[in-house]
Amino acid sequence: MVATSALYRDLAYVFLAAVAGGFVARRLHQPLILGYVLAGILVGPFTPGPTLSEVHALELLAEVGVILLMYSIGMEFSLAELLKVKWVAIVGGPLGILLSIALGVGIGRWMGWSVAQGIVVGAVVSVASTMVLSRLLVDRGQLHSEQGRLMIGITLIEDLAVVILTILLPFAGSFNGLKLAQVTLAVGKGLLLLVPVVFAAAKLVPLLLAWVARMKNDELYLLVALALGFAVAALSQALGLSLALGSFLAGMIVSGSEHAHEMLTRLSPMRDAFVALFFVTVGALINPRALLSDPLLLGVIVALVVIGKMIVWTAVVLLFRYPLRTSLLVGMGLTQIGEFSYVLVQVGRQAGLVEDAVYNATLAASLLTILVNSALMRVGPKWLDRWRIGTVRAAPRTAAP
């Protein structure tokens, strides 16, 4: 009973903090997620005042926000849109991750780190938060832009890569080819099992939604929508893949129905509430003291994310013959880290490959890079226009590199 009462109190703190943070962000013309994260710091265990005590339980609830947001993003995408960027995602995504890890190892040599720590840091900075990116793209109306499709495609591949990296990182100090083969086989089995389920669902779901729509029962319609999204997300996780990927696929299945827009309208209020819960919870995990405890380490990680990744992803997208402007916008859009980076750095810490200082710096870097990323996505297009970069479109690209 005491724990239950504490959870209800924490939920009150979370939503009051979200209201306050969202209001301030709105008045300052900033994205709402920044207000949510900063408000989360204020109610977190590392700052005075009202404090969340059931952070783990809130993290589990916050996963609902991940599912609902990626589900709704999938509804707004069509398979045809995603296939337009398949080569950049499938080939360029892993290439960008490998280059980011190599960059981490190179900087680590300069910093005096072990090769294993350099690999962990490189992996941590290599994956952007699909959650953060999706929300910023939606807020700015850029989800269906060319750079928006590219960024979403790349981050979905990164979600898959997190599964592999989570298994491989503990062996960074003593890696062998047999382990890679085992991981590849496991992920391949997961995808092979998921593909026929998704294919069958794509055929049956539109019929189910049409039948439910004829019943003209709003409550049942909403329940069916939720059941579809959570079922595919849970299946994806059970197969060793990410919730974000599964819920996105569920949304794409529903997008083929003529009732997708109506379903999205019904889900949006619930989605926005849980998204606020997610970002406040992220803020609660950040220790502001980490900003000052090791400024050099924090500065290196932020530089790797903002400068290193911008260069890496701009070069990768250019490799596929996209215009310079689009490539730069993609590079700017991926200059942040989030929830999956927390997972990877925690794996590295538990394996004894990195110290607590790297873990704390990663959490602090997530806040700083989200701030920088938001600013870059807002002012980046204006800068490119002012400097006349990419105003003349490049020659038509080919379908593959």
Protein backbone atom coordinates (compact mmCIF):
# COMPACT_ATOMS: atom_id res chain seq x y z
CA MET A 1 0.00 0.00 0.00
CA VAL A 2 2.84 2.37 0.85
CA ALA A 3 4.54 1.67 -2.49
CA THR A 4 1.24 2.16 -4.33
CA SER A 5 0.65 5.48 -2.60
CA ALA A 6 4.20 6.57 -3.48
CA LEU A 7 3.59 5.70 -7.13
CA TYR A 8 0.41 7.78 -7.29
CA ARG A 9 2.23 10.66 -5.64
CA ASP A 10 5.08 10.31 -8.15
CA LEU A 11 2.61 10.37 -11.04
CA ALA A 12 1.20 13.62 -9.65
CA TYR A 13 4.73 15.06 -9.48
CA VAL A 14 5.44 13.90 -13.04
CA PHE A 15 2.39 15.46 -14.64
CA LEU A 16 2.61 18.67 -12.61
CA ALA A 17 6.26 18.94 -13.66
CA ALA A 18 5.28 18.23 -17.28
CA VAL A 19 2.69 21.02 -17.20
CA ALA A 20 5.17 23.49 -15.73
CA GLY A 21 8.01 22.47 -18.03
CA GLY A 22 5.78 22.43 -21.09
CA PHE A 23 4.41 25.88 -20.27
CA VAL A 24 7.90 27.38 -19.87
CA ALA A 25 9.15 25.72 -23.08
CA ARG A 26 6.13 27.04 -24.96
CA ARG A 27 6.67 30.57 -23.72
CA LEU A 28 10.34 30.40 -24.76
CA HIS A 29 9.40 28.94 -28.18
CA GLN A 30 11.27 25.69 -27.47
CA PRO A 31 10.16 22.08 -28.11
CA LEU A 32 8.00 20.70 -25.32
CA ILE A 33 10.32 17.75 -24.75
CA LEU A 34 13.04 20.10 -23.50
CA GLY A 35 10.66 21.46 -20.91
CA TYR A 36 9.71 17.92 -19.90
CA VAL A 37 13.34 16.80 -19.48
CA LEU A 38 14.34 19.88 -17.48
CA ALA A 39 11.24 19.52 -15.30
CA GLY A 40 12.21 15.88 -14.74
CA ILE A 41 15.58 16.98 -13.37
CA LEU A 42 13.81 19.20 -10.85
CA VAL A 43 11.71 16.32 -9.48
CA GLY A 44 14.53 13.78 -9.75
CA PRO A 45 16.41 12.27 -6.81
CA PHE A 46 19.49 14.43 -7.43
CA THR A 47 17.89 17.82 -6.77
CA PRO A 48 16.20 19.29 -3.66
CA GLY A 49 12.45 19.61 -3.41
CA PRO A 50 9.74 17.11 -4.43
CA THR A 51 11.42 13.86 -5.37
CA LEU A 52 10.31 10.80 -7.33
CA SER A 53 10.83 7.63 -5.30
CA GLU A 54 9.43 4.99 -7.68
CA VAL A 55 11.59 5.81 -10.68
CA HIS A 56 11.84 2.18 -11.84
CA ALA A 57 8.06 1.80 -11.91
CA LEU A 58 7.78 5.06 -13.82
CA GLU A 59 10.36 3.83 -16.35
CA LEU A 60 8.13 0.82 -17.05
CA LEU A 61 5.11 3.09 -17.53
CA ALA A 62 7.19 5.37 -19.74
CA GLU A 63 7.71 2.47 -22.16
CA VAL A 64 4.02 2.90 -23.01
CA GLY A 65 4.95 6.32 -24.38
CA VAL A 66 7.58 4.72 -26.64
CA ILE A 67 5.02 2.23 -27.97
CA LEU A 68 2.29 4.80 -28.58
CA LEU A 69 4.58 7.35 -30.24
CA MET A 70 6.23 4.85 -32.59
CA TYR A 71 2.84 3.26 -33.29
CA SER A 72 1.45 6.62 -34.36
CA ILE A 73 4.57 7.41 -36.41
CA GLY A 74 4.12 4.09 -38.21
CA MET A 75 0.51 5.01 -39.01
CA GLU A 76 1.70 8.21 -40.69
CA PHE A 77 4.27 6.34 -42.79
CA SER A 78 3.57 4.08 -45.70
CA LEU A 79 5.73 1.18 -46.79
CA ALA A 80 6.34 2.99 -50.08
CA GLU A 81 7.81 5.99 -48.22
CA LEU A 82 10.14 3.79 -46.19
CA LEU A 83 11.29 1.82 -49.23
CA LYS A 84 12.50 5.07 -50.81
CA VAL A 85 15.33 5.17 -48.26
CA LYS A 86 15.96 1.43 -47.91
CA TRP A 87 19.54 1.51 -49.17
CA VAL A 88 20.62 4.35 -46.90
CA ALA A 89 18.99 2.60 -43.93
CA ILE A 90 20.11 -0.98 -44.60
CA VAL A 91 23.63 -0.24 -45.86
CA GLY A 92 24.32 3.27 -44.62
CA GLY A 93 22.91 2.68 -41.11
CA PRO A 94 25.41 -0.03 -40.09
CA LEU A 95 28.20 1.90 -41.86
CA GLY A 96 27.47 5.01 -39.82
CA ILE A 97 27.40 3.00 -36.58
CA LEU A 98 30.76 1.37 -37.37
CA LEU A 99 32.31 4.74 -38.22
CA SER A 100 31.00 6.20 -34.95
CA ILE A 101 32.49 3.30 -32.99
CA ALA A 102 35.80 3.73 -34.83
CA LEU A 103 35.69 7.43 -33.95
CA GLY A 104 35.16 6.51 -30.28
CA VAL A 105 38.15 4.17 -30.35
CA GLY A 106 40.31 6.82 -32.04
CA ILE A 107 39.39 9.54 -29.56
CA GLY A 108 39.84 6.99 -26.77
CA ARG A 109 43.47 6.44 -27.80
CA TRP A 110 44.04 10.17 -27.48
CA MET A 111 42.28 10.21 -24.09
CA GLY A 112 44.25 7.23 -22.80
CA TRP A 113 41.25 4.87 -22.68
CA SER A 114 41.45 1.15 -23.25
CA VAL A 115 40.24 -0.14 -26.61
CA ALA A 116 37.25 -1.74 -24.87
CA GLN A 117 36.19 1.57 -23.30
CA GLY A 118 36.59 3.32 -26.65
CA ILE A 119 34.30 0.71 -28.24
CA VAL A 120 31.67 1.18 -25.53
CA VAL A 121 31.75 4.98 -25.79
CA GLY A 122 31.62 4.75 -29.59
CA ALA A 123 28.61 2.43 -29.39
CA VAL A 124 26.90 4.73 -26.88
CA VAL A 125 27.22 7.79 -29.13
CA SER A 126 26.39 5.89 -32.33
CA VAL A 127 22.65 5.46 -31.66
CA ALA A 128 20.24 8.39 -31.71
CA SER A 129 16.93 8.29 -29.87
CA THR A 130 14.09 7.44 -32.24
CA MET A 131 11.73 8.78 -29.57
CA VAL A 132 13.37 12.22 -29.41
CA LEU A 133 13.84 12.44 -33.18
CA SER A 134 10.27 11.44 -33.99
CA ARG A 135 8.84 13.99 -31.59
CA LEU A 136 11.00 16.82 -32.96
CA LEU A 137 10.12 15.91 -36.56
CA VAL A 138 6.41 15.85 -35.75
CA ASP A 139 6.60 19.17 -33.89
CA ARG A 140 8.36 20.80 -36.85
CA GLY A 141 6.15 19.19 -39.50
CA GLN A 142 9.16 17.46 -41.14
CA LEU A 143 8.19 13.83 -40.65
CA HIS A 144 7.41 13.32 -44.34
CA SER A 145 10.28 15.43 -45.67
CA GLU A 146 13.14 13.73 -47.47
CA GLN A 147 15.48 14.19 -44.51
CA GLY A 148 12.73 13.05 -42.13
CA ARG A 149 12.29 9.74 -43.97
CA LEU A 150 16.05 9.22 -44.04
CA MET A 151 16.45 9.89 -40.32
CA ILE A 152 13.57 7.61 -39.33
CA GLY A 153 14.92 4.81 -41.56
CA ILE A 154 18.40 5.14 -40.05
CA THR A 155 17.20 5.19 -36.44
CA LEU A 156 15.05 2.10 -36.99
CA ILE A 157 18.18 0.27 -38.14
CA GLU A 158 19.94 1.64 -35.06
CA ASP A 159 17.20 0.12 -32.90
CA LEU A 160 18.05 -3.25 -34.43
CA ALA A 161 21.76 -2.60 -33.90
CA VAL A 162 21.17 -1.97 -30.19
CA VAL A 163 20.06 -5.59 -29.81
CA ILE A 164 23.33 -6.79 -31.34
CA LEU A 165 25.50 -4.29 -29.46
CA THR A 166 23.90 -5.23 -26.13
CA ILE A 167 25.06 -8.82 -26.64
CA LEU A 168 28.48 -7.97 -28.08
CA LEU A 169 29.68 -5.20 -25.78
CA PRO A 170 30.49 -7.42 -22.77
CA PHE A 171 32.95 -9.23 -25.06
CA ALA A 172 34.58 -6.05 -26.37
CA GLY A 173 37.80 -6.94 -24.61
CA SER A 174 37.91 -10.50 -25.98
CA PHE A 175 35.76 -10.62 -29.08
CA ASN A 176 35.73 -13.54 -31.51
CA GLY A 177 34.04 -14.42 -34.77
CA LEU A 178 32.00 -17.25 -33.21
CA LYS A 179 30.15 -14.78 -30.99
CA LEU A 180 29.32 -12.60 -33.99
CA ALA A 181 27.92 -15.62 -35.83
CA GLN A 182 25.76 -16.54 -32.82
CA VAL A 183 24.39 -13.00 -32.53
CA THR A 184 23.71 -12.74 -36.26
CA LEU A 185 21.86 -16.07 -36.17
CA ALA A 186 19.74 -15.01 -33.17
CA VAL A 187 18.70 -11.69 -34.73
CA GLY A 188 18.07 -13.37 -38.07
CA LYS A 189 15.75 -15.90 -36.45
CA GLY A 190 13.86 -13.08 -34.75
CA LEU A 191 13.34 -11.25 -38.03
CA LEU A 192 12.36 -14.43 -39.87
CA LEU A 193 9.68 -15.14 -37.27
CA LEU A 194 8.44 -11.54 -37.23
CA VAL A 195 8.17 -11.09 -41.02
CA PRO A 196 5.41 -13.70 -41.65
CA VAL A 197 3.43 -12.39 -38.67
CA VAL A 198 3.62 -8.84 -40.02
CA PHE A 199 2.69 -10.04 -43.51
CA ALA A 200 -0.35 -11.94 -42.22
CA ALA A 201 -1.39 -8.99 -40.07
CA ALA A 202 -1.13 -6.64 -43.04
CA LYS A 203 -3.73 -8.78 -44.83
CA LEU A 204 -6.08 -9.28 -41.89
CA VAL A 205 -5.91 -5.99 -39.95
CA PRO A 206 -7.69 -3.81 -42.57
CA LEU A 207 -10.56 -6.33 -42.60
CA LEU A 208 -10.71 -6.31 -38.79
CA LEU A 209 -10.72 -2.50 -38.62
CA ALA A 210 -13.45 -2.25 -41.26
CA TRP A 211 -15.59 -4.72 -39.27
CA VAL A 212 -15.05 -2.81 -36.00
CA ALA A 213 -15.81 0.51 -37.72
CA ARG A 214 -19.18 -0.83 -38.89
CA MET A 215 -20.11 -1.51 -35.26
CA LYS A 216 -19.82 2.26 -34.57
CA ASN A 217 -18.58 1.74 -31.01
CA ASP A 218 -15.82 4.26 -30.13
CA GLU A 219 -14.71 2.40 -27.01
CA LEU A 220 -14.27 -0.91 -28.82
CA TYR A 221 -12.47 0.83 -31.68
CA LEU A 222 -9.92 2.34 -29.30
CA LEU A 223 -9.38 -0.99 -27.56
CA VAL A 224 -8.74 -2.77 -30.86
CA ALA A 225 -6.24 -0.07 -31.83
CA LEU A 226 -4.37 -0.45 -28.53
CA ALA A 227 -4.45 -4.24 -28.69
CA LEU A 228 -2.88 -4.26 -32.17
CA GLY A 229 -0.08 -1.88 -31.24
CA PHE A 230 0.85 -3.55 -27.97
CA ALA A 231 0.56 -7.09 -29.36
CA VAL A 232 3.05 -6.51 -32.18
CA ALA A 233 5.37 -4.53 -29.88
CA ALA A 234 5.31 -7.35 -27.30
CA LEU A 235 5.95 -9.95 -30.01
CA SER A 236 8.88 -7.93 -31.28
CA GLN A 237 10.40 -7.73 -27.81
CA ALA A 238 9.82 -11.45 -27.20
CA LEU A 239 11.84 -12.17 -30.36
CA GLY A 240 14.74 -10.12 -29.00
CA LEU A 241 14.01 -6.99 -31.04
CA SER A 242 13.05 -3.54 -29.73
CA LEU A 243 9.64 -2.28 -28.63
CA ALA A 244 10.13 0.78 -30.82
CA LEU A 245 10.64 -1.32 -33.95
CA GLY A 246 7.64 -3.56 -33.19
CA SER A 247 5.27 -0.69 -32.50
CA PHE A 248 6.44 1.13 -35.65
CA LEU A 249 5.72 -1.99 -37.72
CA ALA A 250 2.29 -2.24 -36.09
CA GLY A 251 1.58 1.34 -37.11
CA MET A 252 2.64 0.64 -40.69
CA ILE A 253 0.27 -2.34 -40.78
CA VAL A 254 -2.61 -0.12 -39.67
CA SER A 255 -1.59 2.63 -42.12
CA GLY A 256 -2.86 0.45 -44.96
CA SER A 257 -6.40 0.76 -43.64
CA GLU A 258 -8.73 3.58 -44.64
CA HIS A 259 -9.50 3.98 -40.92
CA ALA A 260 -5.89 4.74 -39.91
CA HIS A 261 -6.46 8.51 -39.68
CA GLU A 262 -9.44 8.06 -37.38
CA MET A 263 -7.48 5.68 -35.17
CA LEU A 264 -4.57 8.13 -34.97
CA THR A 265 -6.94 10.89 -33.89
CA ARG A 266 -8.27 8.75 -31.05
CA LEU A 267 -4.83 7.68 -29.85
CA SER A 268 -3.15 11.10 -29.95
CA PRO A 269 -4.28 12.43 -26.52
CA MET A 270 -3.20 9.25 -24.75
CA ARG A 271 0.07 9.21 -26.70
CA ASP A 272 0.94 12.79 -25.76
CA ALA A 273 0.31 12.12 -22.05
CA PHE A 274 2.61 9.08 -21.97
CA VAL A 275 5.26 10.86 -24.07
CA ALA A 276 5.34 13.59 -21.42
CA LEU A 277 5.72 10.87 -18.75
CA PHE A 278 8.60 9.35 -20.72
CA PHE A 279 10.63 12.55 -21.03
CA VAL A 280 10.05 13.65 -17.43
CA THR A 281 11.30 10.22 -16.33
CA VAL A 282 14.38 10.61 -18.55
CA GLY A 283 15.09 13.95 -16.87
CA ALA A 284 14.74 12.37 -13.42
CA LEU A 285 17.62 9.99 -14.24
CA ILE A 286 20.05 12.83 -14.98
CA ASN A 287 22.37 13.98 -12.20
CA PRO A 288 23.18 17.69 -12.73
CA ARG A 289 26.40 17.22 -10.76
CA ALA A 290 27.71 15.09 -13.62
CA LEU A 291 27.91 18.31 -15.64
CA LEU A 292 30.70 19.46 -13.32
CA SER A 293 32.22 16.24 -11.97
CA ASP A 294 34.29 15.45 -15.09
CA PRO A 295 33.89 18.28 -17.61
CA LEU A 296 36.58 16.93 -19.95
CA LEU A 297 34.91 13.52 -20.28
CA LEU A 298 31.50 15.13 -20.72
CA GLY A 299 32.88 17.53 -23.32
CA VAL A 300 34.46 14.68 -25.29
CA ILE A 301 31.23 12.66 -25.36
CA VAL A 302 29.17 15.71 -26.38
CA ALA A 303 31.71 16.55 -29.11
CA LEU A 304 31.57 12.97 -30.41
CA VAL A 305 27.77 13.13 -30.58
CA VAL A 306 27.38 16.62 -32.03
CA ILE A 307 30.46 17.13 -34.21
CA GLY A 308 31.56 13.56 -34.86
CA LYS A 309 28.13 12.18 -35.72
CA MET A 310 27.23 15.21 -37.84
CA ILE A 311 30.32 14.60 -39.98
CA VAL A 312 29.77 10.82 -40.11
CA TRP A 313 26.10 10.91 -41.10
CA THR A 314 26.51 13.78 -43.54
CA ALA A 315 29.25 11.79 -45.28
CA VAL A 316 27.19 8.57 -45.27
CA VAL A 317 24.13 10.21 -46.82
CA LEU A 318 26.32 12.00 -49.39
CA LEU A 319 27.75 8.62 -50.30
CA PHE A 320 24.29 7.64 -51.52
CA ARG A 321 24.21 10.72 -53.80
CA TYR A 322 21.68 12.76 -51.88
CA PRO A 323 21.96 16.55 -52.13
CA LEU A 324 24.37 18.31 -49.77
CA ARG A 325 21.52 20.17 -48.07
CA THR A 326 19.62 16.95 -47.30
CA SER A 327 22.81 15.27 -46.09
CA LEU A 328 23.61 18.14 -43.74
CA LEU A 329 20.08 18.19 -42.36
CA VAL A 330 20.26 14.45 -41.65
CA GLY A 331 23.64 14.95 -39.98
CA MET A 332 22.18 17.71 -37.79
CA GLY A 333 19.09 15.66 -36.95
CA LEU A 334 21.05 12.71 -35.59
CA THR A 335 23.20 14.72 -33.17
CA GLN A 336 21.68 13.40 -29.97
CA ILE A 337 21.60 10.32 -27.76
CA GLY A 338 18.82 8.98 -25.57
CA GLU A 339 17.28 5.91 -24.02
CA PHE A 340 19.21 3.24 -25.95
CA SER A 341 22.50 4.90 -25.08
CA TYR A 342 21.57 4.48 -21.41
CA VAL A 343 21.07 0.77 -22.05
CA LEU A 344 24.43 0.37 -23.80
CA VAL A 345 26.47 2.30 -21.23
CA GLN A 346 24.80 0.29 -18.45
CA VAL A 347 25.84 -2.93 -20.23
CA GLY A 348 29.39 -1.62 -20.48
CA ARG A 349 29.43 -0.65 -16.80
CA GLN A 350 28.12 -4.04 -15.66
CA ALA A 351 30.81 -5.75 -17.74
CA GLY A 352 33.48 -3.63 -16.05
CA LEU A 353 34.50 -1.93 -19.30
CA VAL A 354 33.64 1.64 -18.21
CA GLU A 355 33.52 3.41 -14.86
CA ASP A 356 30.62 5.19 -13.20
CA ALA A 357 32.01 8.49 -14.51
CA VAL A 358 31.25 7.41 -18.10
CA TYR A 359 27.72 6.36 -17.11
CA ASN A 360 27.01 9.70 -15.43
CA ALA A 361 28.57 11.62 -18.30
CA THR A 362 26.37 9.74 -20.77
CA LEU A 363 23.20 10.74 -18.92
CA ALA A 364 24.35 14.36 -18.74
CA ALA A 365 25.37 14.30 -22.41
CA SER A 366 21.90 13.13 -23.38
CA LEU A 367 20.42 16.31 -21.93
CA LEU A 368 23.00 18.59 -23.55
CA THR A 369 22.80 16.89 -26.94
CA ILE A 370 19.00 17.02 -26.97
CA LEU A 371 19.29 20.76 -26.32
CA VAL A 372 21.84 21.19 -29.10
CA ASN A 373 19.94 18.88 -31.45
CA SER A 374 16.71 20.80 -30.97
CA ALA A 375 18.48 24.08 -31.72
CA LEU A 376 20.18 22.67 -34.80
CA MET A 377 16.93 21.32 -36.22
CA ARG A 378 15.33 24.72 -35.68
CA VAL A 379 18.04 27.00 -37.06
CA GLY A 380 19.90 24.59 -39.36
CA PRO A 381 17.65 25.11 -42.41
CA LYS A 382 17.86 28.89 -41.94
CA TRP A 383 21.65 28.73 -41.83
CA LEU A 384 21.78 26.64 -44.99
CA ASP A 385 19.47 29.10 -46.74
CA ARG A 386 21.53 32.09 -45.59
CA TRP A 387 24.80 30.51 -46.72
CA ARG A 388 23.15 29.21 -49.93
CA ILE A 389 24.26 25.66 -49.20
CA GLY A 390 22.50 23.04 -51.23
CA THR A 391 20.09 25.45 -52.90
CA VAL A 392 20.91 23.87 -56.26
CA ARG A 393 19.84 20.26 -56.28
CA ALA A 394 22.39 17.65 -57.18
CA ALA A 395 22.07 15.27 -60.10
CA PRO A 396 19.47 12.53 -59.67
CA ARG A 397 20.77 9.72 -57.45
CA THR A 398 20.73 6.05 -58.22
CA ALA A 399 18.81 3.49 -56.21
CA ALA A 400 21.91 1.94 -54.67
CA PRO A 401 25.46 3.12 -53.81
